[in-house]
């Protein structure tokens, strides 16, 4: 379900009106990563939810039905691969972006086999994550009847 809300952002002479606000669930146990993602994703106009472990992440996933999940793999209590398997057991199409420090090729093969949208190594450009989210969300929002309008303001 898409949350409808009108918002205007004025930046560099442009006005952006978004009729649809995407909901992103970030499941990551690192406070610094949460703070960085909170700042960057909210700047992009997204509603962002956070869980600091896999159990809380699954609970929020079931309650909130996010448009995209950003998932770390190495977490206490319940690791990201197990969380991904649980998500896949109820929704094979749910967009999931792995955002992790685990660079082992076998780990990447394992999660790609479970159908992740993208595998991004922490420390990569934050722009890569933002661009990946836009690439996933823009077509999905438009397909659900939402709109994204960009207008140039008069000087």
C-alpha atoms as a PDB file:
ATOM      1  CA  UNK A   1       0.000   0.000   0.000  1.00  0.00           C
ATOM      2  CA  UNK A   2       1.284   3.444  -0.860  1.00  0.00           C
ATOM      3  CA  UNK A   3       1.069   6.268   1.635  1.00  0.00           C
ATOM      4  CA  UNK A   4      -0.313   9.411   0.031  1.00  0.00           C
ATOM      5  CA  UNK A   5       1.048  12.709   1.201  1.00  0.00           C
ATOM      6  CA  UNK A   6       1.796  15.923  -0.623  1.00  0.00           C
ATOM      7  CA  UNK A   7       5.120  17.548   0.049  1.00  0.00           C
ATOM      8  CA  UNK A   8       6.978  20.347  -1.639  1.00  0.00           C
ATOM      9  CA  UNK A   9      10.734  20.677  -1.591  1.00  0.00           C
ATOM     10  CA  UNK A  10      12.432  23.745  -2.979  1.00  0.00           C
ATOM     11  CA  UNK A  11      16.006  23.205  -4.061  1.00  0.00           C
ATOM     12  CA  UNK A  12      18.134  24.864  -6.711  1.00  0.00           C
ATOM     13  CA  UNK A  13      15.188  26.542  -8.427  1.00  0.00           C
ATOM     14  CA  UNK A  14      13.130  23.368  -8.751  1.00  0.00           C
ATOM     15  CA  UNK A  15       9.980  22.320  -6.972  1.00  0.00           C
ATOM     16  CA  UNK A  16       9.418  18.635  -6.440  1.00  0.00           C
ATOM     17  CA  UNK A  17       5.937  17.448  -5.604  1.00  0.00           C
ATOM     18  CA  UNK A  18       5.608  13.844  -4.616  1.00  0.00           C
ATOM     19  CA  UNK A  19       2.179  12.378  -4.241  1.00  0.00           C
ATOM     20  CA  UNK A  20       3.618   9.121  -2.973  1.00  0.00           C
ATOM     21  CA  UNK A  21       6.074   8.558  -0.158  1.00  0.00           C
ATOM     22  CA  UNK A  22       7.914   5.268  -0.186  1.00  0.00           C
ATOM     23  CA  UNK A  23       8.476   3.389   3.046  1.00  0.00           C
ATOM     24  CA  UNK A  24      11.924   1.854   3.554  1.00  0.00           C
ATOM     25  CA  UNK A  25      12.779  -0.581   6.330  1.00  0.00           C
ATOM     26  CA  UNK A  26      16.455  -0.608   7.342  1.00  0.00           C
ATOM     27  CA  UNK A  27      17.553  -3.633   9.363  1.00  0.00           C
ATOM     28  CA  UNK A  28      21.062  -2.956  10.672  1.00  0.00           C
ATOM     29  CA  UNK A  29      22.605  -3.186  14.128  1.00  0.00           C
ATOM     30  CA  UNK A  30      25.210  -0.437  13.672  1.00  0.00           C
ATOM     31  CA  UNK A  31      24.068   2.920  15.146  1.00  0.00           C
ATOM     32  CA  UNK A  32      26.426   4.905  12.897  1.00  0.00           C
ATOM     33  CA  UNK A  33      24.988   3.255   9.792  1.00  0.00           C
ATOM     34  CA  UNK A  34      21.442   3.895  11.017  1.00  0.00           C
ATOM     35  CA  UNK A  35      22.226   7.577  11.600  1.00  0.00           C
ATOM     36  CA  UNK A  36      23.801   7.990   8.166  1.00  0.00           C
ATOM     37  CA  UNK A  37      20.960   6.194   6.375  1.00  0.00           C
ATOM     38  CA  UNK A  38      18.339   8.089   8.345  1.00  0.00           C
ATOM     39  CA  UNK A  39      19.830  11.413   7.279  1.00  0.00           C
ATOM     40  CA  UNK A  40      20.425  10.515   3.627  1.00  0.00           C
ATOM     41  CA  UNK A  41      17.150   8.670   2.977  1.00  0.00           C
ATOM     42  CA  UNK A  42      14.960  11.257   4.694  1.00  0.00           C
ATOM     43  CA  UNK A  43      16.711  13.940   2.603  1.00  0.00           C
ATOM     44  CA  UNK A  44      15.446  12.009  -0.411  1.00  0.00           C
ATOM     45  CA  UNK A  45      11.900  12.201   0.984  1.00  0.00           C
ATOM     46  CA  UNK A  46      11.481   8.591   2.093  1.00  0.00           C
ATOM     47  CA  UNK A  47       9.751   7.383   5.241  1.00  0.00           C
ATOM     48  CA  UNK A  48      12.389   5.310   7.015  1.00  0.00           C
ATOM     49  CA  UNK A  49      11.863   2.659   9.684  1.00  0.00           C
ATOM     50  CA  UNK A  50      14.727   1.077  11.630  1.00  0.00           C
ATOM     51  CA  UNK A  51      15.300  -2.237  13.368  1.00  0.00           C
ATOM     52  CA  UNK A  52      18.566  -3.016  15.137  1.00  0.00           C
ATOM     53  CA  UNK A  53      18.288  -6.797  14.884  1.00  0.00           C
ATOM     54  CA  UNK A  54      16.699  -9.446  12.696  1.00  0.00           C
ATOM     55  CA  UNK A  55      13.814 -10.277  15.025  1.00  0.00           C
ATOM     56  CA  UNK A  56      12.701  -6.652  15.282  1.00  0.00           C
ATOM     57  CA  UNK A  57      13.181  -6.300  11.535  1.00  0.00           C
ATOM     58  CA  UNK A  58      10.847  -9.188  10.779  1.00  0.00           C
ATOM     59  CA  UNK A  59       8.277  -7.803  13.197  1.00  0.00           C
ATOM     60  CA  UNK A  60       8.381  -4.361  11.511  1.00  0.00           C
ATOM     61  CA  UNK A  61       8.314  -5.988   8.068  1.00  0.00           C
ATOM     62  CA  UNK A  62       5.087  -7.824   8.933  1.00  0.00           C
ATOM     63  CA  UNK A  63       3.476  -4.759  10.553  1.00  0.00           C
ATOM     64  CA  UNK A  64       4.518  -2.007   8.157  1.00  0.00           C
ATOM     65  CA  UNK A  65       4.731  -3.679   4.712  1.00  0.00           C
ATOM     66  CA  UNK A  66       7.637  -1.531   3.457  1.00  0.00           C
ATOM     67  CA  UNK A  67       8.233  -0.879  -0.228  1.00  0.00           C
ATOM     68  CA  UNK A  68      11.924  -1.832   0.131  1.00  0.00           C
ATOM     69  CA  UNK A  69      14.033  -3.530   2.799  1.00  0.00           C
ATOM     70  CA  UNK A  70      17.696  -2.536   3.263  1.00  0.00           C
ATOM     71  CA  UNK A  71      19.294  -5.445   5.104  1.00  0.00           C
ATOM     72  CA  UNK A  72      22.634  -6.017   6.812  1.00  0.00           C
ATOM     73  CA  UNK A  73      23.859  -9.613   6.949  1.00  0.00           C
ATOM     74  CA  UNK A  74      25.974  -9.669  10.112  1.00  0.00           C
ATOM     75  CA  UNK A  75      23.755  -8.995  13.120  1.00  0.00           C
ATOM     76  CA  UNK A  76      23.337 -10.489  16.584  1.00  0.00           C
ATOM     77  CA  UNK A  77      20.395 -12.731  17.456  1.00  0.00           C
ATOM     78  CA  UNK A  78      19.164 -13.333  13.882  1.00  0.00           C
ATOM     79  CA  UNK A  79      21.437 -12.876  10.877  1.00  0.00           C
ATOM     80  CA  UNK A  80      20.440 -11.220   7.617  1.00  0.00           C
ATOM     81  CA  UNK A  81      20.416 -14.423   5.550  1.00  0.00           C
ATOM     82  CA  UNK A  82      17.814 -15.906   7.901  1.00  0.00           C
ATOM     83  CA  UNK A  83      15.780 -12.686   7.763  1.00  0.00           C
ATOM     84  CA  UNK A  84      15.925 -12.782   3.956  1.00  0.00           C
ATOM     85  CA  UNK A  85      14.734 -16.408   3.926  1.00  0.00           C
ATOM     86  CA  UNK A  86      11.800 -15.463   6.178  1.00  0.00           C
ATOM     87  CA  UNK A  87      10.864 -12.552   3.909  1.00  0.00           C
ATOM     88  CA  UNK A  88      11.079 -14.826   0.847  1.00  0.00           C
ATOM     89  CA  UNK A  89       8.816 -17.383   2.537  1.00  0.00           C
ATOM     90  CA  UNK A  90       5.965 -14.849   2.441  1.00  0.00           C
ATOM     91  CA  UNK A  91       6.888 -12.626  -0.527  1.00  0.00           C
ATOM     92  CA  UNK A  92       9.148 -13.661  -3.384  1.00  0.00           C
ATOM     93  CA  UNK A  93       8.881 -10.235  -5.016  1.00  0.00           C
ATOM     94  CA  UNK A  94       9.709  -8.004  -2.018  1.00  0.00           C
ATOM     95  CA  UNK A  95      12.600  -5.726  -3.022  1.00  0.00           C
ATOM     96  CA  UNK A  96      15.533  -6.341  -0.672  1.00  0.00           C
ATOM     97  CA  UNK A  97      18.863  -4.548  -0.915  1.00  0.00           C
ATOM     98  CA  UNK A  98      21.743  -6.143   0.951  1.00  0.00           C
ATOM     99  CA  UNK A  99      23.911  -3.430   2.549  1.00  0.00           C
ATOM    100  CA  UNK A 100      26.736  -5.194   4.323  1.00  0.00           C
ATOM    101  CA  UNK A 101      30.390  -5.246   5.238  1.00  0.00           C
ATOM    102  CA  UNK A 102      30.578  -8.954   4.366  1.00  0.00           C
ATOM    103  CA  UNK A 103      32.492  -9.141   1.101  1.00  0.00           C
ATOM    104  CA  UNK A 104      32.822 -12.937   0.887  1.00  0.00           C
ATOM    105  CA  UNK A 105      31.915 -14.093  -2.651  1.00  0.00           C
ATOM    106  CA  UNK A 106      30.082 -17.142  -1.266  1.00  0.00           C
ATOM    107  CA  UNK A 107      27.860 -14.907   0.874  1.00  0.00           C
ATOM    108  CA  UNK A 108      26.988 -12.766  -2.127  1.00  0.00           C
ATOM    109  CA  UNK A 109      26.177 -15.874  -4.219  1.00  0.00           C
ATOM    110  CA  UNK A 110      24.005 -17.222  -1.397  1.00  0.00           C
ATOM    111  CA  UNK A 111      21.858 -14.089  -1.070  1.00  0.00           C
ATOM    112  CA  UNK A 112      21.657 -13.499  -4.831  1.00  0.00           C
ATOM    113  CA  UNK A 113      20.267 -17.038  -5.124  1.00  0.00           C
ATOM    114  CA  UNK A 114      17.508 -15.896  -2.743  1.00  0.00           C
ATOM    115  CA  UNK A 115      16.618 -13.070  -5.121  1.00  0.00           C
ATOM    116  CA  UNK A 116      17.996  -9.851  -3.678  1.00  0.00           C
ATOM    117  CA  UNK A 117      17.535  -6.685  -5.711  1.00  0.00           C
ATOM    118  CA  UNK A 118      21.121  -5.550  -5.158  1.00  0.00           C
ATOM    119  CA  UNK A 119      24.209  -6.370  -3.085  1.00  0.00           C
ATOM    120  CA  UNK A 120      26.036  -3.227  -1.904  1.00  0.00           C
ATOM    121  CA  UNK A 121      29.162  -3.299   0.253  1.00  0.00           C
ATOM    122  CA  UNK A 122      29.244  -0.781   3.105  1.00  0.00           C
ATOM    123  CA  UNK A 123      31.825   1.856   2.373  1.00  0.00           C
ATOM    124  CA  UNK A 124      30.663   2.099  -1.236  1.00  0.00           C
ATOM    125  CA  UNK A 125      29.235   5.367  -2.417  1.00  0.00           C
ATOM    126  CA  UNK A 126      26.023   6.321  -0.637  1.00  0.00           C
ATOM    127  CA  UNK A 127      24.900   7.548  -4.064  1.00  0.00           C
ATOM    128  CA  UNK A 128      24.887   3.915  -5.236  1.00  0.00           C
ATOM    129  CA  UNK A 129      22.366   3.002  -2.532  1.00  0.00           C
ATOM    130  CA  UNK A 130      20.204   6.070  -3.227  1.00  0.00           C
ATOM    131  CA  UNK A 131      20.285   5.435  -6.993  1.00  0.00           C
ATOM    132  CA  UNK A 132      19.404   1.767  -6.452  1.00  0.00           C
ATOM    133  CA  UNK A 133      16.426   2.753  -4.284  1.00  0.00           C
ATOM    134  CA  UNK A 134      15.220   5.234  -6.913  1.00  0.00           C
ATOM    135  CA  UNK A 135      15.587   2.592  -9.611  1.00  0.00           C
ATOM    136  CA  UNK A 136      13.437   0.175  -7.627  1.00  0.00           C
ATOM    137  CA  UNK A 137      10.882   2.643  -6.280  1.00  0.00           C
ATOM    138  CA  UNK A 138      10.125   4.973  -9.185  1.00  0.00           C
ATOM    139  CA  UNK A 139       8.653   2.302 -11.508  1.00  0.00           C
ATOM    140  CA  UNK A 140       6.841   0.675  -8.576  1.00  0.00           C
ATOM    141  CA  UNK A 141       5.227   3.964  -7.483  1.00  0.00           C
ATOM    142  CA  UNK A 142       4.151   4.801 -11.020  1.00  0.00           C
ATOM    143  CA  UNK A 143       2.763   1.280 -11.545  1.00  0.00           C
ATOM    144  CA  UNK A 144       0.632   1.686  -8.413  1.00  0.00           C
ATOM    145  CA  UNK A 145      -0.911   4.864  -9.739  1.00  0.00           C
ATOM    146  CA  UNK A 146       1.302   7.253  -7.805  1.00  0.00           C
ATOM    147  CA  UNK A 147       2.954  10.235  -9.370  1.00  0.00           C
ATOM    148  CA  UNK A 148       6.218  12.054  -9.166  1.00  0.00           C
ATOM    149  CA  UNK A 149       6.052  15.563 -10.589  1.00  0.00           C
ATOM    150  CA  UNK A 150       9.047  17.805 -11.181  1.00  0.00           C
ATOM    151  CA  UNK A 151       8.357  21.422 -12.084  1.00  0.00           C
ATOM    152  CA  UNK A 152      10.769  24.244 -12.801  1.00  0.00           C
ATOM    153  CA  UNK A 153      10.021  27.376 -10.789  1.00  0.00           C
ATOM    154  CA  UNK A 154       9.945  30.788 -12.386  1.00  0.00           C
ATOM    155  CA  UNK A 155      12.879  32.979 -11.387  1.00  0.00           C
END
